[in-house]
């Protein structure tokens, strides 16, 4: 092999290797999250061992610790993934109306309906608060409180709801949403309870209206 060809080979390898390692790392993360999400939903967080997760993902404990720091870090990643999916559904519902007030009501209704899903009930409503504690509050701020604050601030700006601190309103509404989600998930008739909660939120939001 000529010196020129050898240098070209080394240069190509150097250019390809970081990308390949990055792809492998992303695939490992994706596989662990996929396996954990399925297992947490089916068996619950406490009943799922790291050995079980690693065996199902075909990976080592070292990979789990390297990427997530432990089982709780993996749960946090699963929660973030689910949160992003819920946010996308809520934003889609919000965006279907040209009236931001109607959009807000539609978005909150969709958010409440998530409590009907067994996966949401097990992972977000039962396991995450117990396992993540204050870390879940930080996730809620990103996925719920901040976007809700922004939406309320805009409605206050255009005079659609009474003037108030938008973050305070967002935090109070978030607390009500959390309590309603628990109520729905624990109900013997979840669909009927969802309708009650949605109707109550219509009344609650109506009290904010400036019209």
C-alpha atoms as a PDB file:
ATOM      1  CA  UNK A   1       0.000   0.000   0.000  1.00  0.00           C
ATOM      2  CA  UNK A   2       1.364   3.407  -0.939  1.00  0.00           C
ATOM      3  CA  UNK A   3       1.946   6.095   1.691  1.00  0.00           C
ATOM      4  CA  UNK A   4      -0.722   8.286   0.037  1.00  0.00           C
ATOM      5  CA  UNK A   5      -3.289   5.479   0.125  1.00  0.00           C
ATOM      6  CA  UNK A   6      -2.403   4.650   3.737  1.00  0.00           C
ATOM      7  CA  UNK A   7      -2.909   8.272   4.789  1.00  0.00           C
ATOM      8  CA  UNK A   8      -6.224   8.388   2.946  1.00  0.00           C
ATOM      9  CA  UNK A   9      -7.352   5.212   4.713  1.00  0.00           C
ATOM     10  CA  UNK A  10      -6.425   6.575   8.140  1.00  0.00           C
ATOM     11  CA  UNK A  11      -8.181   9.877   7.387  1.00  0.00           C
ATOM     12  CA  UNK A  12     -11.348   8.093   6.254  1.00  0.00           C
ATOM     13  CA  UNK A  13     -11.346   5.869   9.349  1.00  0.00           C
ATOM     14  CA  UNK A  14     -10.880   8.869  11.622  1.00  0.00           C
ATOM     15  CA  UNK A  15     -13.800  10.628   9.955  1.00  0.00           C
ATOM     16  CA  UNK A  16     -16.128   7.636  10.135  1.00  0.00           C
ATOM     17  CA  UNK A  17     -15.373   6.286  13.625  1.00  0.00           C
ATOM     18  CA  UNK A  18     -16.822   9.172  15.728  1.00  0.00           C
ATOM     19  CA  UNK A  19     -20.069   9.091  13.759  1.00  0.00           C
ATOM     20  CA  UNK A  20     -20.312   5.326  14.070  1.00  0.00           C
ATOM     21  CA  UNK A  21     -19.685   5.461  17.815  1.00  0.00           C
ATOM     22  CA  UNK A  22     -22.310   8.168  18.117  1.00  0.00           C
ATOM     23  CA  UNK A  23     -24.795   6.049  16.224  1.00  0.00           C
ATOM     24  CA  UNK A  24     -24.047   3.046  18.415  1.00  0.00           C
ATOM     25  CA  UNK A  25     -24.507   5.144  21.543  1.00  0.00           C
ATOM     26  CA  UNK A  26     -27.839   6.496  20.269  1.00  0.00           C
ATOM     27  CA  UNK A  27     -29.004   2.992  19.424  1.00  0.00           C
ATOM     28  CA  UNK A  28     -28.065   1.763  22.904  1.00  0.00           C
ATOM     29  CA  UNK A  29     -29.966   4.616  24.548  1.00  0.00           C
ATOM     30  CA  UNK A  30     -32.989   4.029  22.338  1.00  0.00           C
ATOM     31  CA  UNK A  31     -32.995   0.297  23.055  1.00  0.00           C
ATOM     32  CA  UNK A  32     -32.756   0.786  26.823  1.00  0.00           C
ATOM     33  CA  UNK A  33     -35.554   3.367  26.852  1.00  0.00           C
ATOM     34  CA  UNK A  34     -37.756   1.159  24.669  1.00  0.00           C
ATOM     35  CA  UNK A  35     -37.236  -1.882  26.889  1.00  0.00           C
ATOM     36  CA  UNK A  36     -37.669   0.096  30.104  1.00  0.00           C
ATOM     37  CA  UNK A  37     -40.830   1.806  28.918  1.00  0.00           C
ATOM     38  CA  UNK A  38     -42.444  -1.509  28.018  1.00  0.00           C
ATOM     39  CA  UNK A  39     -41.348  -3.236  31.233  1.00  0.00           C
ATOM     40  CA  UNK A  40     -42.240  -0.312  33.542  1.00  0.00           C
ATOM     41  CA  UNK A  41     -45.700  -0.136  31.966  1.00  0.00           C
ATOM     42  CA  UNK A  42     -46.312  -3.872  32.297  1.00  0.00           C
ATOM     43  CA  UNK A  43     -44.672  -4.705  35.622  1.00  0.00           C
ATOM     44  CA  UNK A  44     -44.146  -1.379  37.376  1.00  0.00           C
ATOM     45  CA  UNK A  45     -40.915   0.365  38.274  1.00  0.00           C
ATOM     46  CA  UNK A  46     -40.302  -1.351  41.619  1.00  0.00           C
ATOM     47  CA  UNK A  47     -40.797  -4.858  40.212  1.00  0.00           C
ATOM     48  CA  UNK A  48     -38.424  -4.271  37.298  1.00  0.00           C
ATOM     49  CA  UNK A  49     -34.786  -5.096  37.975  1.00  0.00           C
ATOM     50  CA  UNK A  50     -31.821  -3.676  36.111  1.00  0.00           C
ATOM     51  CA  UNK A  51     -30.724  -7.205  35.236  1.00  0.00           C
ATOM     52  CA  UNK A  52     -34.119  -7.789  33.654  1.00  0.00           C
ATOM     53  CA  UNK A  53     -33.888  -4.573  31.637  1.00  0.00           C
ATOM     54  CA  UNK A  54     -30.359  -5.264  30.452  1.00  0.00           C
ATOM     55  CA  UNK A  55     -31.179  -8.845  29.490  1.00  0.00           C
ATOM     56  CA  UNK A  56     -34.191  -7.783  27.449  1.00  0.00           C
ATOM     57  CA  UNK A  57     -32.234  -5.017  25.751  1.00  0.00           C
ATOM     58  CA  UNK A  58     -29.282  -7.344  25.128  1.00  0.00           C
ATOM     59  CA  UNK A  59     -26.931  -4.943  26.902  1.00  0.00           C
ATOM     60  CA  UNK A  60     -24.771  -4.866  30.017  1.00  0.00           C
ATOM     61  CA  UNK A  61     -25.331  -3.119  33.336  1.00  0.00           C
ATOM     62  CA  UNK A  62     -22.337  -0.980  32.437  1.00  0.00           C
ATOM     63  CA  UNK A  63     -24.209   0.434  29.446  1.00  0.00           C
ATOM     64  CA  UNK A  64     -27.190   1.341  31.620  1.00  0.00           C
ATOM     65  CA  UNK A  65     -25.015   3.042  34.251  1.00  0.00           C
ATOM     66  CA  UNK A  66     -22.959   4.813  31.600  1.00  0.00           C
ATOM     67  CA  UNK A  67     -25.923   6.394  29.851  1.00  0.00           C
ATOM     68  CA  UNK A  68     -28.423   6.856  32.694  1.00  0.00           C
ATOM     69  CA  UNK A  69     -26.559   6.523  35.999  1.00  0.00           C
ATOM     70  CA  UNK A  70     -28.984   3.867  37.225  1.00  0.00           C
ATOM     71  CA  UNK A  71     -32.585   2.702  37.028  1.00  0.00           C
ATOM     72  CA  UNK A  72     -33.985   6.027  38.254  1.00  0.00           C
ATOM     73  CA  UNK A  73     -32.155   7.872  35.484  1.00  0.00           C
ATOM     74  CA  UNK A  74     -33.654   5.471  32.972  1.00  0.00           C
ATOM     75  CA  UNK A  75     -37.121   6.122  34.403  1.00  0.00           C
ATOM     76  CA  UNK A  76     -36.508   9.851  34.049  1.00  0.00           C
ATOM     77  CA  UNK A  77     -35.624   9.347  30.376  1.00  0.00           C
ATOM     78  CA  UNK A  78     -38.803   7.334  29.847  1.00  0.00           C
ATOM     79  CA  UNK A  79     -40.859  10.067  31.528  1.00  0.00           C
ATOM     80  CA  UNK A  80     -39.244  12.707  29.297  1.00  0.00           C
ATOM     81  CA  UNK A  81     -40.109  10.675  26.201  1.00  0.00           C
ATOM     82  CA  UNK A  82     -43.736  10.236  27.266  1.00  0.00           C
ATOM     83  CA  UNK A  83     -43.980  13.912  28.246  1.00  0.00           C
ATOM     84  CA  UNK A  84     -42.789  14.965  24.793  1.00  0.00           C
ATOM     85  CA  UNK A  85     -45.457  12.804  23.157  1.00  0.00           C
ATOM     86  CA  UNK A  86     -48.198  14.236  25.375  1.00  0.00           C
ATOM     87  CA  UNK A  87     -46.966  17.777  24.691  1.00  0.00           C
ATOM     88  CA  UNK A  88     -47.173  17.118  20.948  1.00  0.00           C
ATOM     89  CA  UNK A  89     -50.799  15.947  21.295  1.00  0.00           C
ATOM     90  CA  UNK A  90     -51.737  18.930  23.446  1.00  0.00           C
ATOM     91  CA  UNK A  91     -50.072  21.392  21.076  1.00  0.00           C
ATOM     92  CA  UNK A  92     -51.844  19.793  18.122  1.00  0.00           C
ATOM     93  CA  UNK A  93     -55.198  20.216  19.887  1.00  0.00           C
ATOM     94  CA  UNK A  94     -54.310  23.813  20.773  1.00  0.00           C
ATOM     95  CA  UNK A  95     -53.298  24.565  17.195  1.00  0.00           C
ATOM     96  CA  UNK A  96     -56.514  23.287  15.638  1.00  0.00           C
ATOM     97  CA  UNK A  97     -58.337  26.438  16.769  1.00  0.00           C
ATOM     98  CA  UNK A  98     -57.627  29.998  15.660  1.00  0.00           C
ATOM     99  CA  UNK A  99     -58.969  31.202  19.016  1.00  0.00           C
ATOM    100  CA  UNK A 100     -56.252  30.691  21.678  1.00  0.00           C
ATOM    101  CA  UNK A 101     -58.905  30.516  24.415  1.00  0.00           C
ATOM    102  CA  UNK A 102     -60.700  27.626  22.696  1.00  0.00           C
ATOM    103  CA  UNK A 103     -57.309  26.100  21.956  1.00  0.00           C
ATOM    104  CA  UNK A 104     -56.332  26.202  25.628  1.00  0.00           C
ATOM    105  CA  UNK A 105     -59.522  24.437  26.677  1.00  0.00           C
ATOM    106  CA  UNK A 106     -59.039  21.793  23.981  1.00  0.00           C
ATOM    107  CA  UNK A 107     -55.404  21.265  24.973  1.00  0.00           C
ATOM    108  CA  UNK A 108     -56.227  20.788  28.656  1.00  0.00           C
ATOM    109  CA  UNK A 109     -59.032  18.374  27.756  1.00  0.00           C
ATOM    110  CA  UNK A 110     -56.598  16.282  25.720  1.00  0.00           C
ATOM    111  CA  UNK A 111     -54.091  16.405  28.569  1.00  0.00           C
ATOM    112  CA  UNK A 112     -56.667  15.028  31.002  1.00  0.00           C
ATOM    113  CA  UNK A 113     -57.628  12.250  28.584  1.00  0.00           C
ATOM    114  CA  UNK A 114     -54.083  10.851  28.845  1.00  0.00           C
ATOM    115  CA  UNK A 115     -55.020   9.532  32.297  1.00  0.00           C
ATOM    116  CA  UNK A 116     -57.117   6.835  30.596  1.00  0.00           C
ATOM    117  CA  UNK A 117     -54.013   5.143  29.184  1.00  0.00           C
ATOM    118  CA  UNK A 118     -52.664   2.240  31.287  1.00  0.00           C
ATOM    119  CA  UNK A 119     -49.071   3.191  30.449  1.00  0.00           C
ATOM    120  CA  UNK A 120     -49.595   6.745  31.702  1.00  0.00           C
ATOM    121  CA  UNK A 121     -51.357   5.498  34.818  1.00  0.00           C
ATOM    122  CA  UNK A 122     -48.501   3.166  35.763  1.00  0.00           C
ATOM    123  CA  UNK A 123     -45.460   5.212  34.793  1.00  0.00           C
ATOM    124  CA  UNK A 124     -46.433   8.865  35.198  1.00  0.00           C
ATOM    125  CA  UNK A 125     -49.147   8.734  37.842  1.00  0.00           C
ATOM    126  CA  UNK A 126     -48.021   5.882  40.115  1.00  0.00           C
ATOM    127  CA  UNK A 127     -44.284   5.293  39.692  1.00  0.00           C
ATOM    128  CA  UNK A 128     -42.677   8.585  38.698  1.00  0.00           C
ATOM    129  CA  UNK A 129     -43.812  10.678  41.716  1.00  0.00           C
ATOM    130  CA  UNK A 130     -42.567   8.033  44.173  1.00  0.00           C
ATOM    131  CA  UNK A 131     -39.287   7.248  42.401  1.00  0.00           C
ATOM    132  CA  UNK A 132     -38.237  10.684  41.136  1.00  0.00           C
ATOM    133  CA  UNK A 133     -39.569  13.054  43.790  1.00  0.00           C
ATOM    134  CA  UNK A 134     -38.409  16.640  43.257  1.00  0.00           C
ATOM    135  CA  UNK A 135     -36.871  15.687  39.909  1.00  0.00           C
ATOM    136  CA  UNK A 136     -40.382  15.153  38.566  1.00  0.00           C
ATOM    137  CA  UNK A 137     -41.272  18.724  39.544  1.00  0.00           C
ATOM    138  CA  UNK A 138     -38.423  19.970  37.382  1.00  0.00           C
ATOM    139  CA  UNK A 139     -39.712  17.886  34.463  1.00  0.00           C
ATOM    140  CA  UNK A 140     -43.244  19.238  35.013  1.00  0.00           C
ATOM    141  CA  UNK A 141     -41.921  22.786  34.831  1.00  0.00           C
ATOM    142  CA  UNK A 142     -40.486  22.132  31.384  1.00  0.00           C
ATOM    143  CA  UNK A 143     -43.313  20.052  29.929  1.00  0.00           C
ATOM    144  CA  UNK A 144     -46.389  21.677  31.515  1.00  0.00           C
ATOM    145  CA  UNK A 145     -45.849  24.787  33.614  1.00  0.00           C
ATOM    146  CA  UNK A 146     -43.658  26.775  31.209  1.00  0.00           C
ATOM    147  CA  UNK A 147     -45.819  26.289  28.068  1.00  0.00           C
ATOM    148  CA  UNK A 148     -49.002  26.812  30.092  1.00  0.00           C
ATOM    149  CA  UNK A 149     -47.547  30.011  31.556  1.00  0.00           C
ATOM    150  CA  UNK A 150     -46.781  31.257  28.050  1.00  0.00           C
ATOM    151  CA  UNK A 151     -50.288  30.469  26.812  1.00  0.00           C
ATOM    152  CA  UNK A 152     -51.910  32.204  29.793  1.00  0.00           C
ATOM    153  CA  UNK A 153     -49.631  35.241  29.450  1.00  0.00           C
ATOM    154  CA  UNK A 154     -50.762  35.646  25.841  1.00  0.00           C
ATOM    155  CA  UNK A 155     -54.436  35.382  26.839  1.00  0.00           C
ATOM    156  CA  UNK A 156     -53.900  38.024  29.534  1.00  0.00           C
ATOM    157  CA  UNK A 157     -52.126  40.245  27.026  1.00  0.00           C
ATOM    158  CA  UNK A 158     -55.040  40.181  24.589  1.00  0.00           C
ATOM    159  CA  UNK A 159     -57.550  40.717  27.399  1.00  0.00           C
ATOM    160  CA  UNK A 160     -59.159  37.280  27.097  1.00  0.00           C
ATOM    161  CA  UNK A 161     -58.702  36.394  30.775  1.00  0.00           C
ATOM    162  CA  UNK A 162     -58.493  38.498  33.910  1.00  0.00           C
ATOM    163  CA  UNK A 163     -55.059  39.953  34.738  1.00  0.00           C
ATOM    164  CA  UNK A 164     -53.072  37.760  37.123  1.00  0.00           C
ATOM    165  CA  UNK A 165     -49.601  36.348  37.418  1.00  0.00           C
ATOM    166  CA  UNK A 166     -49.512  33.761  34.584  1.00  0.00           C
ATOM    167  CA  UNK A 167     -47.039  31.448  36.318  1.00  0.00           C
ATOM    168  CA  UNK A 168     -49.173  31.402  39.472  1.00  0.00           C
ATOM    169  CA  UNK A 169     -52.204  30.474  37.387  1.00  0.00           C
ATOM    170  CA  UNK A 170     -50.217  27.824  35.529  1.00  0.00           C
ATOM    171  CA  UNK A 171     -48.991  26.214  38.738  1.00  0.00           C
ATOM    172  CA  UNK A 172     -52.484  26.142  40.237  1.00  0.00           C
ATOM    173  CA  UNK A 173     -53.940  24.636  37.060  1.00  0.00           C
ATOM    174  CA  UNK A 174     -51.107  22.099  36.941  1.00  0.00           C
ATOM    175  CA  UNK A 175     -51.894  21.021  40.486  1.00  0.00           C
ATOM    176  CA  UNK A 176     -55.558  20.614  39.564  1.00  0.00           C
ATOM    177  CA  UNK A 177     -54.610  18.621  36.459  1.00  0.00           C
ATOM    178  CA  UNK A 178     -52.399  16.290  38.498  1.00  0.00           C
ATOM    179  CA  UNK A 179     -55.125  15.669  41.062  1.00  0.00           C
ATOM    180  CA  UNK A 180     -57.700  15.073  38.334  1.00  0.00           C
ATOM    181  CA  UNK A 181     -55.365  12.599  36.614  1.00  0.00           C
ATOM    182  CA  UNK A 182     -54.989  10.606  39.842  1.00  0.00           C
ATOM    183  CA  UNK A 183     -58.760  10.664  40.346  1.00  0.00           C
ATOM    184  CA  UNK A 184     -59.382   9.391  36.815  1.00  0.00           C
ATOM    185  CA  UNK A 185     -56.733   6.670  37.023  1.00  0.00           C
ATOM    186  CA  UNK A 186     -58.053   5.343  40.343  1.00  0.00           C
ATOM    187  CA  UNK A 187     -61.713   5.512  39.400  1.00  0.00           C
ATOM    188  CA  UNK A 188     -63.841   2.405  38.890  1.00  0.00           C
ATOM    189  CA  UNK A 189     -65.298   4.210  35.851  1.00  0.00           C
ATOM    190  CA  UNK A 190     -62.386   6.176  34.348  1.00  0.00           C
ATOM    191  CA  UNK A 191     -64.227   7.410  31.251  1.00  0.00           C
ATOM    192  CA  UNK A 192     -67.138   8.730  33.288  1.00  0.00           C
ATOM    193  CA  UNK A 193     -64.727  10.386  35.717  1.00  0.00           C
ATOM    194  CA  UNK A 194     -62.833  11.961  32.809  1.00  0.00           C
ATOM    195  CA  UNK A 195     -66.051  13.570  31.574  1.00  0.00           C
ATOM    196  CA  UNK A 196     -66.703  14.944  35.066  1.00  0.00           C
ATOM    197  CA  UNK A 197     -63.179  16.346  35.285  1.00  0.00           C
ATOM    198  CA  UNK A 198     -63.385  17.921  31.825  1.00  0.00           C
ATOM    199  CA  UNK A 199     -66.728  19.525  32.691  1.00  0.00           C
ATOM    200  CA  UNK A 200     -65.284  20.858  35.951  1.00  0.00           C
ATOM    201  CA  UNK A 201     -62.298  22.334  34.125  1.00  0.00           C
ATOM    202  CA  UNK A 202     -64.669  24.123  31.754  1.00  0.00           C
ATOM    203  CA  UNK A 203     -66.241  25.796  34.784  1.00  0.00           C
ATOM    204  CA  UNK A 204     -62.850  26.487  36.348  1.00  0.00           C
ATOM    205  CA  UNK A 205     -61.461  28.072  33.200  1.00  0.00           C
ATOM    206  CA  UNK A 206     -64.673  30.018  32.750  1.00  0.00           C
ATOM    207  CA  UNK A 207     -63.959  31.819  36.021  1.00  0.00           C
ATOM    208  CA  UNK A 208     -60.794  33.198  34.441  1.00  0.00           C
ATOM    209  CA  UNK A 209     -62.562  34.563  31.373  1.00  0.00           C
ATOM    210  CA  UNK A 210     -62.786  38.332  31.047  1.00  0.00           C
ATOM    211  CA  UNK A 211     -65.828  38.011  28.796  1.00  0.00           C
END
